[in-house]
Amino acid sequence: MQIPNDPFILFSYINTQLRDSGLTLEDFCAEHALDARTIIERLAKAGFRYDAAQRRFR
């Protein structure tokens, strides 16, 4: 699965996918053969942090 390169589009995309699927980031990434650590690091560089309790980036 190809994910957006732009961190703000990626932020919106991932949060929408997590909300709609009801999955955790780890489960979503496993289902789509993505690396959760890479996504977390890319979004952290743009100032976003993953909130596991709410299953979304802020």
Protein backbone atom coordinates (compact mmCIF):
# COMPACT_ATOMS: atom_id res chain seq x y z
CA MET A 1 0.00 0.00 0.00
CA GLN A 2 1.28 3.43 -0.94
CA ILE A 3 0.77 6.16 1.66
CA PRO A 4 0.90 9.92 1.10
CA ASN A 5 4.32 11.59 1.31
CA ASP A 6 3.10 14.95 2.57
CA PRO A 7 2.95 14.75 6.39
CA PHE A 8 -0.27 16.76 6.65
CA ILE A 9 -2.05 14.60 4.11
CA LEU A 10 -0.61 11.51 5.79
CA PHE A 11 -1.90 12.78 9.15
CA SER A 12 -5.41 13.18 7.75
CA TYR A 13 -5.29 9.90 5.85
CA ILE A 14 -4.10 7.78 8.78
CA ASN A 15 -6.53 9.35 11.25
CA THR A 16 -9.42 8.77 8.84
CA GLN A 17 -8.38 5.15 8.29
CA LEU A 18 -8.03 4.52 12.02
CA ARG A 19 -11.39 6.12 12.77
CA ASP A 20 -13.22 4.28 10.00
CA SER A 21 -11.65 0.88 10.65
CA GLY A 22 -11.65 1.01 14.44
CA LEU A 23 -8.19 -0.55 14.43
CA THR A 24 -5.12 0.44 16.41
CA LEU A 25 -2.23 1.88 14.43
CA GLU A 26 -0.30 -1.37 14.85
CA ASP A 27 -3.22 -3.50 13.63
CA PHE A 28 -3.90 -1.17 10.70
CA CYS A 29 -0.24 -1.27 9.68
CA ALA A 30 -0.09 -5.06 9.97
CA GLU A 31 -3.22 -5.40 7.84
CA HIS A 32 -1.77 -3.15 5.11
CA ALA A 33 1.89 -4.23 5.30
CA LEU A 34 3.04 -0.84 6.63
CA ASP A 35 5.64 -0.03 9.26
CA ALA A 36 4.04 1.74 12.23
CA ARG A 37 7.40 3.06 13.46
CA THR A 38 8.04 4.77 10.11
CA ILE A 39 4.63 6.44 10.16
CA ILE A 40 5.10 7.58 13.77
CA GLU A 41 8.54 9.00 12.95
CA ARG A 42 7.37 10.78 9.80
CA LEU A 43 4.44 12.39 11.60
CA ALA A 44 6.56 13.26 14.65
CA LYS A 45 8.82 15.34 12.39
CA ALA A 46 5.73 17.40 11.51
CA GLY A 47 4.80 17.79 15.19
CA PHE A 48 2.16 15.06 15.48
CA ARG A 49 2.12 12.46 18.26
CA TYR A 50 0.19 9.21 18.35
CA ASP A 51 -2.34 8.91 21.17
CA ALA A 52 -2.83 5.16 21.63
CA ALA A 53 -5.72 5.62 24.06
CA GLN A 54 -7.71 7.56 21.45
CA ARG A 55 -6.23 5.72 18.45
CA ARG A 56 -5.31 8.88 16.58
CA PHE A 57 -2.56 11.35 15.90
CA ARG A 58 -2.78 14.81 17.42
